[in-house]
Amino acid sequence: MRVERVILARPRGFCAGVERALAILEVLLERVPEPVYVFHEIVHNSVLIEGFKRRGVRFVNDLKEVPEGAVCVFSAHGVSPEIERTAKARNLRVFDATCPLVTKVHEEARSFVKNGYRIVLIGHEGHEEVKGTMGHAPMHLVGAPEDVERLPFGPTEKVAYLTQTTLSLDDTAEVLKALRAKFPTLTGPKKDDICYATSNRQAAVKALAKVSDVVFVVGSKNSSNSQRLGEVARAQGVPAYVVDGAEHIEPWMFERAKAIGVTAGASAPETLVSGIVRHFEGLGAERIEELGVAEESMTFRLPKMPD
């Protein structure tokens, strides 16, 4: 069966937080003569990371690997106060690329603790954003409804919840349902922690799955929001594959597919989407369409940068 059309989700790809983080790194590469170090991957996309490595950027997972006094960028996922203190002790020239929406979660955590709440964080264990957030206040991590029953406090406690910004909305709703059942007075942030870009891209992929025979999500294995897009598509009953680029697409993935859906995680560049479109055009796809569910215009200002 021949591929007839490619349908692109809109919105897809870079969010404002990723654009800000990448812009910070680009400015530093232009203006700073010495090596630029980044604590963790600036964003979770292997193609971008390899490109920056070729340009001399040095990614580290331990600040001991950064020479004293060097230029160091904190990734978009945010860091704990302990990391901030270590950077200050090593006299590093820090440029903070933390997404402002992640910083908002950090501020909420400190506020809830100040007001006497026990905090439950909904998120994925081991993710850089979660590790950074958990450093800002005492909290308990839950990833699924069954984790709620294991929390070491009862319904009479003052309990507040926060969430990782890149979660599946549907999965988070199930965890929240369990939390509200156990803690009738549960409170949360005034505005949802799951970021606008995550919400919009998940809504777009749901619509995309309804008109596609298979969905390809451009994103890396360690990209939480990209993996969630794949899960959302599969939950609609459509095969979905998260791939770094066209070279990872195999013929068996789209057997008997006439309509190919394509979206991209918030850290995936549009050039990779274009590569997938060209791949299917080469296989005979004549119609390239776009399916939009939302328009985005948010931008974030850069921190003070060197001249």
C-alpha atoms as a PDB file:
ATOM      1  CA  MET A   1       0.000   0.000   0.000  1.00  0.00           C
ATOM      2  CA  ARG A   2       1.370   3.370  -1.020  1.00  0.00           C
ATOM      3  CA  VAL A   3       1.735   6.340   1.303  1.00  0.00           C
ATOM      4  CA  GLU A   4      -0.593   9.069   0.016  1.00  0.00           C
ATOM      5  CA  ARG A   5      -0.266  11.950   2.458  1.00  0.00           C
ATOM      6  CA  VAL A   6       1.673  13.297   5.405  1.00  0.00           C
ATOM      7  CA  ILE A   7      -0.234  15.204   8.084  1.00  0.00           C
ATOM      8  CA  LEU A   8       1.725  17.546  10.353  1.00  0.00           C
ATOM      9  CA  ALA A   9       0.447  18.418  13.814  1.00  0.00           C
ATOM     10  CA  ARG A  10       0.382  22.064  14.828  1.00  0.00           C
ATOM     11  CA  PRO A  11       1.765  23.082  17.244  1.00  0.00           C
ATOM     12  CA  ARG A  12       4.831  20.875  17.268  1.00  0.00           C
ATOM     13  CA  GLY A  13       8.517  21.229  18.043  1.00  0.00           C
ATOM     14  CA  PHE A  14      10.262  23.946  20.007  1.00  0.00           C
ATOM     15  CA  CYS A  15       8.498  25.602  22.922  1.00  0.00           C
ATOM     16  CA  ALA A  16       9.411  29.009  24.349  1.00  0.00           C
ATOM     17  CA  GLY A  17      11.520  27.477  27.132  1.00  0.00           C
ATOM     18  CA  VAL A  18      13.612  25.464  24.689  1.00  0.00           C
ATOM     19  CA  GLU A  19      14.024  28.445  22.371  1.00  0.00           C
ATOM     20  CA  ARG A  20      15.251  30.537  25.306  1.00  0.00           C
ATOM     21  CA  ALA A  21      17.723  27.871  26.455  1.00  0.00           C
ATOM     22  CA  LEU A  22      19.155  27.400  22.966  1.00  0.00           C
ATOM     23  CA  ALA A  23      19.378  31.167  22.436  1.00  0.00           C
ATOM     24  CA  ILE A  24      21.404  31.522  25.661  1.00  0.00           C
ATOM     25  CA  LEU A  25      23.867  28.918  24.466  1.00  0.00           C
ATOM     26  CA  GLU A  26      24.114  30.445  20.991  1.00  0.00           C
ATOM     27  CA  VAL A  27      24.872  33.899  22.414  1.00  0.00           C
ATOM     28  CA  LEU A  28      27.584  32.484  24.650  1.00  0.00           C
ATOM     29  CA  LEU A  29      29.180  30.625  21.733  1.00  0.00           C
ATOM     30  CA  GLU A  30      29.312  33.903  19.805  1.00  0.00           C
ATOM     31  CA  ARG A  31      30.578  36.141  22.615  1.00  0.00           C
ATOM     32  CA  VAL A  32      32.661  34.037  25.002  1.00  0.00           C
ATOM     33  CA  PRO A  33      36.153  33.031  23.873  1.00  0.00           C
ATOM     34  CA  GLU A  34      36.701  30.298  26.470  1.00  0.00           C
ATOM     35  CA  PRO A  35      34.952  26.886  26.532  1.00  0.00           C
ATOM     36  CA  VAL A  36      31.274  26.825  27.525  1.00  0.00           C
ATOM     37  CA  TYR A  37      30.167  24.104  29.936  1.00  0.00           C
ATOM     38  CA  VAL A  38      26.563  22.965  30.351  1.00  0.00           C
ATOM     39  CA  PHE A  39      25.301  21.129  33.415  1.00  0.00           C
ATOM     40  CA  HIS A  40      23.315  18.219  31.915  1.00  0.00           C
ATOM     41  CA  GLU A  41      22.027  18.359  28.345  1.00  0.00           C
ATOM     42  CA  ILE A  42      20.767  21.860  27.542  1.00  0.00           C
ATOM     43  CA  VAL A  43      17.581  20.210  26.206  1.00  0.00           C
ATOM     44  CA  HIS A  44      16.827  16.539  25.609  1.00  0.00           C
ATOM     45  CA  ASN A  45      17.561  16.117  21.919  1.00  0.00           C
ATOM     46  CA  SER A  46      20.487  13.986  20.793  1.00  0.00           C
ATOM     47  CA  VAL A  47      20.855  15.694  17.388  1.00  0.00           C
ATOM     48  CA  LEU A  48      21.131  19.142  18.956  1.00  0.00           C
ATOM     49  CA  ILE A  49      23.517  17.910  21.641  1.00  0.00           C
ATOM     50  CA  GLU A  50      25.867  16.301  19.106  1.00  0.00           C
ATOM     51  CA  GLY A  51      25.823  19.498  17.066  1.00  0.00           C
ATOM     52  CA  PHE A  52      26.809  21.604  20.069  1.00  0.00           C
ATOM     53  CA  LYS A  53      29.553  19.140  21.001  1.00  0.00           C
ATOM     54  CA  ARG A  54      31.059  19.567  17.549  1.00  0.00           C
ATOM     55  CA  ARG A  55      31.104  23.324  18.204  1.00  0.00           C
ATOM     56  CA  GLY A  56      33.051  22.870  21.434  1.00  0.00           C
ATOM     57  CA  VAL A  57      30.316  22.868  24.075  1.00  0.00           C
ATOM     58  CA  ARG A  58      31.161  20.584  26.982  1.00  0.00           C
ATOM     59  CA  PHE A  59      28.246  18.829  28.687  1.00  0.00           C
ATOM     60  CA  VAL A  60      28.839  17.569  32.235  1.00  0.00           C
ATOM     61  CA  ASN A  61      26.829  15.743  34.886  1.00  0.00           C
ATOM     62  CA  ASP A  62      29.034  16.827  37.784  1.00  0.00           C
ATOM     63  CA  LEU A  63      30.186  20.387  38.462  1.00  0.00           C
ATOM     64  CA  LYS A  64      33.557  18.992  39.552  1.00  0.00           C
ATOM     65  CA  GLU A  65      34.193  18.540  35.821  1.00  0.00           C
ATOM     66  CA  VAL A  66      33.922  22.315  35.322  1.00  0.00           C
ATOM     67  CA  PRO A  67      37.143  24.291  35.979  1.00  0.00           C
ATOM     68  CA  GLU A  68      36.881  26.955  38.657  1.00  0.00           C
ATOM     69  CA  GLY A  69      35.797  30.300  37.238  1.00  0.00           C
ATOM     70  CA  ALA A  70      34.548  28.805  33.942  1.00  0.00           C
ATOM     71  CA  VAL A  71      31.344  29.678  32.081  1.00  0.00           C
ATOM     72  CA  CYS A  72      28.578  27.239  33.013  1.00  0.00           C
ATOM     73  CA  VAL A  73      24.989  27.041  31.778  1.00  0.00           C
ATOM     74  CA  PHE A  74      22.235  25.386  33.787  1.00  0.00           C
ATOM     75  CA  SER A  75      19.986  23.364  31.477  1.00  0.00           C
ATOM     76  CA  ALA A  76      16.342  24.108  30.736  1.00  0.00           C
ATOM     77  CA  HIS A  77      15.275  21.457  33.276  1.00  0.00           C
ATOM     78  CA  GLY A  78      16.421  23.452  36.303  1.00  0.00           C
ATOM     79  CA  VAL A  79      18.704  22.631  39.231  1.00  0.00           C
ATOM     80  CA  SER A  80      18.528  22.307  42.994  1.00  0.00           C
ATOM     81  CA  PRO A  81      19.787  24.954  45.434  1.00  0.00           C
ATOM     82  CA  GLU A  82      22.643  22.571  46.267  1.00  0.00           C
ATOM     83  CA  ILE A  83      23.872  22.787  42.663  1.00  0.00           C
ATOM     84  CA  GLU A  84      23.569  26.580  42.787  1.00  0.00           C
ATOM     85  CA  ARG A  85      25.670  26.663  45.964  1.00  0.00           C
ATOM     86  CA  THR A  86      28.297  24.378  44.455  1.00  0.00           C
ATOM     87  CA  ALA A  87      28.534  26.601  41.380  1.00  0.00           C
ATOM     88  CA  LYS A  88      28.965  29.667  43.570  1.00  0.00           C
ATOM     89  CA  ALA A  89      31.648  27.939  45.663  1.00  0.00           C
ATOM     90  CA  ARG A  90      33.562  27.128  42.464  1.00  0.00           C
ATOM     91  CA  ASN A  91      33.214  30.750  41.323  1.00  0.00           C
ATOM     92  CA  LEU A  92      31.540  29.693  38.090  1.00  0.00           C
ATOM     93  CA  ARG A  93      30.107  32.267  35.698  1.00  0.00           C
ATOM     94  CA  VAL A  94      26.566  30.867  35.650  1.00  0.00           C
ATOM     95  CA  PHE A  95      23.942  31.516  32.991  1.00  0.00           C
ATOM     96  CA  ASP A  96      20.641  30.005  34.017  1.00  0.00           C
ATOM     97  CA  ALA A  97      18.653  28.503  31.127  1.00  0.00           C
ATOM     98  CA  THR A  98      15.990  27.016  33.393  1.00  0.00           C
ATOM     99  CA  CYS A  99      12.578  27.284  31.760  1.00  0.00           C
ATOM    100  CA  PRO A 100      10.576  29.980  33.592  1.00  0.00           C
ATOM    101  CA  LEU A 101       7.680  27.524  33.919  1.00  0.00           C
ATOM    102  CA  VAL A 102       9.977  25.151  35.827  1.00  0.00           C
ATOM    103  CA  THR A 103      11.148  28.050  38.008  1.00  0.00           C
ATOM    104  CA  LYS A 104       7.466  28.663  38.785  1.00  0.00           C
ATOM    105  CA  VAL A 105       7.200  25.121  40.192  1.00  0.00           C
ATOM    106  CA  HIS A 106      10.284  25.715  42.360  1.00  0.00           C
ATOM    107  CA  GLU A 107       8.702  28.885  43.760  1.00  0.00           C
ATOM    108  CA  GLU A 108       5.433  27.069  44.452  1.00  0.00           C
ATOM    109  CA  ALA A 109       7.301  24.350  46.350  1.00  0.00           C
ATOM    110  CA  ARG A 110       8.987  26.861  48.645  1.00  0.00           C
ATOM    111  CA  SER A 111       5.686  28.677  49.206  1.00  0.00           C
ATOM    112  CA  PHE A 112       3.761  25.522  50.114  1.00  0.00           C
ATOM    113  CA  VAL A 113       6.418  24.438  52.630  1.00  0.00           C
ATOM    114  CA  LYS A 114       6.459  27.905  54.168  1.00  0.00           C
ATOM    115  CA  ASN A 115       2.713  27.604  54.689  1.00  0.00           C
ATOM    116  CA  GLY A 116       2.929  24.229  56.403  1.00  0.00           C
ATOM    117  CA  TYR A 117       1.971  21.854  53.602  1.00  0.00           C
ATOM    118  CA  ARG A 118       3.286  18.377  52.915  1.00  0.00           C
ATOM    119  CA  ILE A 119       4.147  18.286  49.198  1.00  0.00           C
ATOM    120  CA  VAL A 120       3.480  15.515  46.706  1.00  0.00           C
ATOM    121  CA  LEU A 121       5.268  15.854  43.371  1.00  0.00           C
ATOM    122  CA  ILE A 122       3.766  13.999  40.408  1.00  0.00           C
ATOM    123  CA  GLY A 123       6.606  13.094  38.072  1.00  0.00           C
ATOM    124  CA  HIS A 124       9.087  10.565  36.713  1.00  0.00           C
ATOM    125  CA  GLU A 125      11.856   9.416  39.035  1.00  0.00           C
ATOM    126  CA  GLY A 126      15.336  10.261  37.772  1.00  0.00           C
ATOM    127  CA  HIS A 127      14.314  12.995  35.342  1.00  0.00           C
ATOM    128  CA  GLU A 128      16.543  16.091  35.622  1.00  0.00           C
ATOM    129  CA  GLU A 129      13.553  18.376  36.170  1.00  0.00           C
ATOM    130  CA  VAL A 130      12.279  16.199  39.014  1.00  0.00           C
ATOM    131  CA  LYS A 131      15.697  16.004  40.674  1.00  0.00           C
ATOM    132  CA  GLY A 132      16.040  19.778  40.524  1.00  0.00           C
ATOM    133  CA  THR A 133      12.532  20.437  41.848  1.00  0.00           C
ATOM    134  CA  MET A 134      12.902  18.000  44.746  1.00  0.00           C
ATOM    135  CA  GLY A 135      15.939  19.938  45.933  1.00  0.00           C
ATOM    136  CA  HIS A 136      13.870  23.053  46.609  1.00  0.00           C
ATOM    137  CA  ALA A 137      11.721  21.625  49.398  1.00  0.00           C
ATOM    138  CA  PRO A 138      10.946  18.338  51.178  1.00  0.00           C
ATOM    139  CA  MET A 139       8.483  16.391  49.031  1.00  0.00           C
ATOM    140  CA  HIS A 140       7.308  12.926  48.088  1.00  0.00           C
ATOM    141  CA  LEU A 141       7.380  11.695  44.487  1.00  0.00           C
ATOM    142  CA  VAL A 142       4.515   9.712  42.962  1.00  0.00           C
ATOM    143  CA  GLY A 143       4.370   8.478  39.381  1.00  0.00           C
ATOM    144  CA  ALA A 144       1.166   6.437  39.301  1.00  0.00           C
ATOM    145  CA  PRO A 145      -2.124   6.138  41.251  1.00  0.00           C
ATOM    146  CA  GLU A 146      -0.859   3.103  43.184  1.00  0.00           C
ATOM    147  CA  ASP A 147       2.002   5.208  44.589  1.00  0.00           C
ATOM    148  CA  VAL A 148      -0.506   7.380  46.452  1.00  0.00           C
ATOM    149  CA  GLU A 149      -1.383   4.635  48.941  1.00  0.00           C
ATOM    150  CA  ARG A 150       2.272   4.391  49.963  1.00  0.00           C
ATOM    151  CA  LEU A 151       2.525   8.032  51.022  1.00  0.00           C
ATOM    152  CA  PRO A 152       3.565   8.192  54.702  1.00  0.00           C
ATOM    153  CA  PHE A 153       0.842  10.573  55.889  1.00  0.00           C
ATOM    154  CA  GLY A 154      -2.922  10.559  56.168  1.00  0.00           C
ATOM    155  CA  PRO A 155      -6.009  12.529  55.123  1.00  0.00           C
ATOM    156  CA  THR A 156      -5.885  14.899  58.088  1.00  0.00           C
ATOM    157  CA  GLU A 157      -2.592  16.449  56.921  1.00  0.00           C
ATOM    158  CA  LYS A 158      -2.311  19.648  54.909  1.00  0.00           C
ATOM    159  CA  VAL A 159      -1.231  18.294  51.514  1.00  0.00           C
ATOM    160  CA  ALA A 160      -0.374  20.140  48.300  1.00  0.00           C
ATOM    161  CA  TYR A 161       0.620  18.713  44.931  1.00  0.00           C
ATOM    162  CA  LEU A 162       2.930  19.891  42.185  1.00  0.00           C
ATOM    163  CA  THR A 163       3.695  18.287  38.833  1.00  0.00           C
ATOM    164  CA  GLN A 164       6.573  17.875  36.434  1.00  0.00           C
ATOM    165  CA  THR A 165       5.888  20.195  33.499  1.00  0.00           C
ATOM    166  CA  THR A 166       6.122  17.546  30.741  1.00  0.00           C
ATOM    167  CA  LEU A 167       3.685  14.871  31.900  1.00  0.00           C
ATOM    168  CA  SER A 168       0.780  13.223  30.115  1.00  0.00           C
ATOM    169  CA  LEU A 169      -2.360  15.160  31.013  1.00  0.00           C
ATOM    170  CA  ASP A 170      -4.466  11.994  31.067  1.00  0.00           C
ATOM    171  CA  ASP A 171      -2.041  10.065  33.300  1.00  0.00           C
ATOM    172  CA  THR A 172      -1.707  13.038  35.634  1.00  0.00           C
ATOM    173  CA  ALA A 173      -5.482  13.271  35.923  1.00  0.00           C
ATOM    174  CA  GLU A 174      -5.568   9.660  37.157  1.00  0.00           C
ATOM    175  CA  VAL A 175      -2.943  10.359  39.822  1.00  0.00           C
ATOM    176  CA  LEU A 176      -4.785  13.494  40.899  1.00  0.00           C
ATOM    177  CA  LYS A 177      -8.002  11.507  41.206  1.00  0.00           C
ATOM    178  CA  ALA A 178      -6.247   9.120  43.605  1.00  0.00           C
ATOM    179  CA  LEU A 179      -4.730  12.005  45.576  1.00  0.00           C
ATOM    180  CA  ARG A 180      -8.076  13.770  45.954  1.00  0.00           C
ATOM    181  CA  ALA A 181      -9.697  10.535  47.101  1.00  0.00           C
ATOM    182  CA  LYS A 182      -7.108  10.136  49.863  1.00  0.00           C
ATOM    183  CA  PHE A 183      -6.719  13.813  50.763  1.00  0.00           C
ATOM    184  CA  PRO A 184     -10.103  15.603  50.613  1.00  0.00           C
ATOM    185  CA  THR A 185      -8.527  19.000  51.325  1.00  0.00           C
ATOM    186  CA  LEU A 186      -5.768  18.590  48.706  1.00  0.00           C
ATOM    187  CA  THR A 187      -4.605  21.880  47.264  1.00  0.00           C
ATOM    188  CA  GLY A 188      -2.451  22.669  44.269  1.00  0.00           C
ATOM    189  CA  PRO A 189      -0.939  25.453  42.199  1.00  0.00           C
ATOM    190  CA  LYS A 190      -3.173  28.328  41.114  1.00  0.00           C
ATOM    191  CA  LYS A 191      -2.299  27.498  37.522  1.00  0.00           C
ATOM    192  CA  ASP A 192      -1.573  24.015  36.160  1.00  0.00           C
ATOM    193  CA  ASP A 193       2.137  23.107  36.305  1.00  0.00           C
ATOM    194  CA  ILE A 194       1.977  21.050  33.093  1.00  0.00           C
ATOM    195  CA  CYS A 195       3.170  23.637  30.625  1.00  0.00           C
ATOM    196  CA  TYR A 196       1.123  25.155  27.811  1.00  0.00           C
ATOM    197  CA  ALA A 197       3.369  23.580  25.165  1.00  0.00           C
ATOM    198  CA  THR A 198       2.970  20.089  26.614  1.00  0.00           C
ATOM    199  CA  SER A 199      -0.818  20.516  26.768  1.00  0.00           C
ATOM    200  CA  ASN A 200      -1.057  21.913  23.238  1.00  0.00           C
ATOM    201  CA  ARG A 201       1.144  19.215  21.694  1.00  0.00           C
ATOM    202  CA  GLN A 202      -0.812  16.450  23.388  1.00  0.00           C
ATOM    203  CA  ALA A 203      -4.111  17.921  22.169  1.00  0.00           C
ATOM    204  CA  ALA A 204      -2.657  18.174  18.660  1.00  0.00           C
ATOM    205  CA  VAL A 205      -1.442  14.567  18.627  1.00  0.00           C
ATOM    206  CA  LYS A 206      -4.869  13.345  19.780  1.00  0.00           C
ATOM    207  CA  ALA A 207      -6.422  15.092  16.786  1.00  0.00           C
ATOM    208  CA  LEU A 208      -3.639  13.800  14.538  1.00  0.00           C
ATOM    209  CA  ALA A 209      -4.183  10.200  15.627  1.00  0.00           C
ATOM    210  CA  LYS A 210      -7.831  10.358  14.514  1.00  0.00           C
ATOM    211  CA  VAL A 211      -6.840  10.946  10.881  1.00  0.00           C
ATOM    212  CA  SER A 212      -3.563   8.986  10.666  1.00  0.00           C
ATOM    213  CA  ASP A 213      -2.751   5.316  10.164  1.00  0.00           C
ATOM    214  CA  VAL A 214       0.515   5.712  12.062  1.00  0.00           C
ATOM    215  CA  VAL A 215       2.133   8.596  13.972  1.00  0.00           C
ATOM    216  CA  PHE A 216       5.824   9.469  14.096  1.00  0.00           C
ATOM    217  CA  VAL A 217       6.991  11.667  16.956  1.00  0.00           C
ATOM    218  CA  VAL A 218      10.306  13.402  16.371  1.00  0.00           C
ATOM    219  CA  GLY A 219      12.191  13.285  19.657  1.00  0.00           C
ATOM    220  CA  SER A 220      14.888  11.537  21.648  1.00  0.00           C
ATOM    221  CA  LYS A 221      14.539   8.617  24.043  1.00  0.00           C
ATOM    222  CA  ASN A 222      15.308  10.780  27.080  1.00  0.00           C
ATOM    223  CA  SER A 223      12.799  13.479  26.109  1.00  0.00           C
ATOM    224  CA  SER A 224       9.879  13.143  28.513  1.00  0.00           C
ATOM    225  CA  ASN A 225       7.477  15.270  26.495  1.00  0.00           C
ATOM    226  CA  SER A 226       8.306  13.382  23.267  1.00  0.00           C
ATOM    227  CA  GLN A 227       7.715  10.012  24.917  1.00  0.00           C
ATOM    228  CA  ARG A 228       4.398  11.248  26.303  1.00  0.00           C
ATOM    229  CA  LEU A 229       3.303  12.255  22.787  1.00  0.00           C
ATOM    230  CA  GLY A 230       3.929   8.705  21.620  1.00  0.00           C
ATOM    231  CA  GLU A 231       1.903   7.356  24.543  1.00  0.00           C
ATOM    232  CA  VAL A 232      -0.967   9.746  23.842  1.00  0.00           C
ATOM    233  CA  ALA A 233      -1.121   8.668  20.195  1.00  0.00           C
ATOM    234  CA  ARG A 234      -1.044   4.977  21.105  1.00  0.00           C
ATOM    235  CA  ALA A 235      -3.809   5.546  23.658  1.00  0.00           C
ATOM    236  CA  GLN A 236      -5.982   6.599  20.699  1.00  0.00           C
ATOM    237  CA  GLY A 237      -5.422   3.161  19.178  1.00  0.00           C
ATOM    238  CA  VAL A 238      -2.860   4.220  16.562  1.00  0.00           C
ATOM    239  CA  PRO A 239       0.691   2.834  16.231  1.00  0.00           C
ATOM    240  CA  ALA A 240       3.199   5.518  17.198  1.00  0.00           C
ATOM    241  CA  TYR A 241       6.991   5.638  17.131  1.00  0.00           C
ATOM    242  CA  VAL A 242       9.371   8.148  18.708  1.00  0.00           C
ATOM    243  CA  VAL A 243      12.344   8.634  16.386  1.00  0.00           C
ATOM    244  CA  ASP A 244      15.305  10.988  16.295  1.00  0.00           C
ATOM    245  CA  GLY A 245      14.964  11.467  12.556  1.00  0.00           C
ATOM    246  CA  ALA A 246      14.060   9.952   9.191  1.00  0.00           C
ATOM    247  CA  GLU A 247      17.034   7.585   9.252  1.00  0.00           C
ATOM    248  CA  HIS A 248      15.391   5.699  12.126  1.00  0.00           C
ATOM    249  CA  ILE A 249      12.166   4.985  10.246  1.00  0.00           C
ATOM    250  CA  GLU A 250      11.854   1.387   9.061  1.00  0.00           C
ATOM    251  CA  PRO A 251       9.435   0.122   6.372  1.00  0.00           C
ATOM    252  CA  TRP A 252       7.667  -2.213   8.821  1.00  0.00           C
ATOM    253  CA  MET A 253       6.630   0.783  10.904  1.00  0.00           C
ATOM    254  CA  PHE A 254       4.242   2.086   8.231  1.00  0.00           C
ATOM    255  CA  GLU A 255       3.072  -1.071   6.451  1.00  0.00           C
ATOM    256  CA  ARG A 256      -0.416  -0.585   4.960  1.00  0.00           C
ATOM    257  CA  ALA A 257      -0.385   3.104   5.993  1.00  0.00           C
ATOM    258  CA  LYS A 258      -1.812   5.684   3.600  1.00  0.00           C
ATOM    259  CA  ALA A 259      -1.851   8.632   5.998  1.00  0.00           C
ATOM    260  CA  ILE A 260       1.317   9.357   8.006  1.00  0.00           C
ATOM    261  CA  GLY A 261       0.964  11.616  11.033  1.00  0.00           C
ATOM    262  CA  VAL A 262       4.030  13.577  12.163  1.00  0.00           C
ATOM    263  CA  THR A 263       4.605  15.684  15.251  1.00  0.00           C
ATOM    264  CA  ALA A 264       7.656  16.710  17.284  1.00  0.00           C
ATOM    265  CA  GLY A 265       8.505  17.035  20.946  1.00  0.00           C
ATOM    266  CA  ALA A 266       9.215  20.449  22.435  1.00  0.00           C
ATOM    267  CA  SER A 267      12.989  19.982  22.122  1.00  0.00           C
ATOM    268  CA  ALA A 268      13.017  18.687  18.527  1.00  0.00           C
ATOM    269  CA  PRO A 269      14.085  21.072  15.723  1.00  0.00           C
ATOM    270  CA  GLU A 270      11.870  21.579  12.671  1.00  0.00           C
ATOM    271  CA  THR A 271      14.719  20.494  10.379  1.00  0.00           C
ATOM    272  CA  LEU A 272      14.187  16.921  11.591  1.00  0.00           C
ATOM    273  CA  VAL A 273      10.472  17.135  10.799  1.00  0.00           C
ATOM    274  CA  SER A 274      11.343  18.380   7.303  1.00  0.00           C
ATOM    275  CA  GLY A 275      13.624  15.381   6.871  1.00  0.00           C
ATOM    276  CA  ILE A 276      10.757  13.014   7.623  1.00  0.00           C
ATOM    277  CA  VAL A 277       8.489  14.844   5.179  1.00  0.00           C
ATOM    278  CA  ARG A 278      11.138  14.503   2.453  1.00  0.00           C
ATOM    279  CA  HIS A 279      11.504  10.817   3.320  1.00  0.00           C
ATOM    280  CA  PHE A 280       7.829  10.136   2.656  1.00  0.00           C
ATOM    281  CA  GLU A 281       7.737  12.379  -0.387  1.00  0.00           C
ATOM    282  CA  GLY A 282      10.459  10.120  -1.759  1.00  0.00           C
ATOM    283  CA  LEU A 283       8.139   7.177  -1.162  1.00  0.00           C
ATOM    284  CA  GLY A 284       5.351   8.764  -3.180  1.00  0.00           C
ATOM    285  CA  ALA A 285       3.443  10.969  -0.738  1.00  0.00           C
ATOM    286  CA  GLU A 286       1.961  13.819  -2.781  1.00  0.00           C
ATOM    287  CA  ARG A 287      -0.166  15.605  -0.186  1.00  0.00           C
ATOM    288  CA  ILE A 288       1.461  17.413   2.744  1.00  0.00           C
ATOM    289  CA  GLU A 289      -1.163  18.801   5.116  1.00  0.00           C
ATOM    290  CA  GLU A 290      -1.200  20.531   8.484  1.00  0.00           C
ATOM    291  CA  LEU A 291      -3.682  19.914  11.274  1.00  0.00           C
ATOM    292  CA  GLY A 292      -3.803  22.738  13.793  1.00  0.00           C
ATOM    293  CA  VAL A 293      -5.460  22.842  17.223  1.00  0.00           C
ATOM    294  CA  ALA A 294      -3.760  25.901  18.776  1.00  0.00           C
ATOM    295  CA  GLU A 295      -1.530  28.859  18.005  1.00  0.00           C
ATOM    296  CA  GLU A 296       1.379  29.770  20.254  1.00  0.00           C
ATOM    297  CA  SER A 297       2.977  33.164  20.735  1.00  0.00           C
ATOM    298  CA  MET A 298       4.700  32.920  24.132  1.00  0.00           C
ATOM    299  CA  THR A 299       8.296  34.060  24.419  1.00  0.00           C
ATOM    300  CA  PHE A 300      10.684  34.341  27.375  1.00  0.00           C
ATOM    301  CA  ARG A 301      13.347  36.990  27.863  1.00  0.00           C
ATOM    302  CA  LEU A 302      16.995  36.043  28.069  1.00  0.00           C
ATOM    303  CA  PRO A 303      18.974  36.726  31.236  1.00  0.00           C
ATOM    304  CA  LYS A 304      21.675  39.391  31.198  1.00  0.00           C
ATOM    305  CA  MET A 305      24.247  38.164  28.691  1.00  0.00           C
ATOM    306  CA  PRO A 306      27.892  39.174  28.107  1.00  0.00           C
ATOM    307  CA  ASP A 307      28.527  41.934  25.554  1.00  0.00           C
END
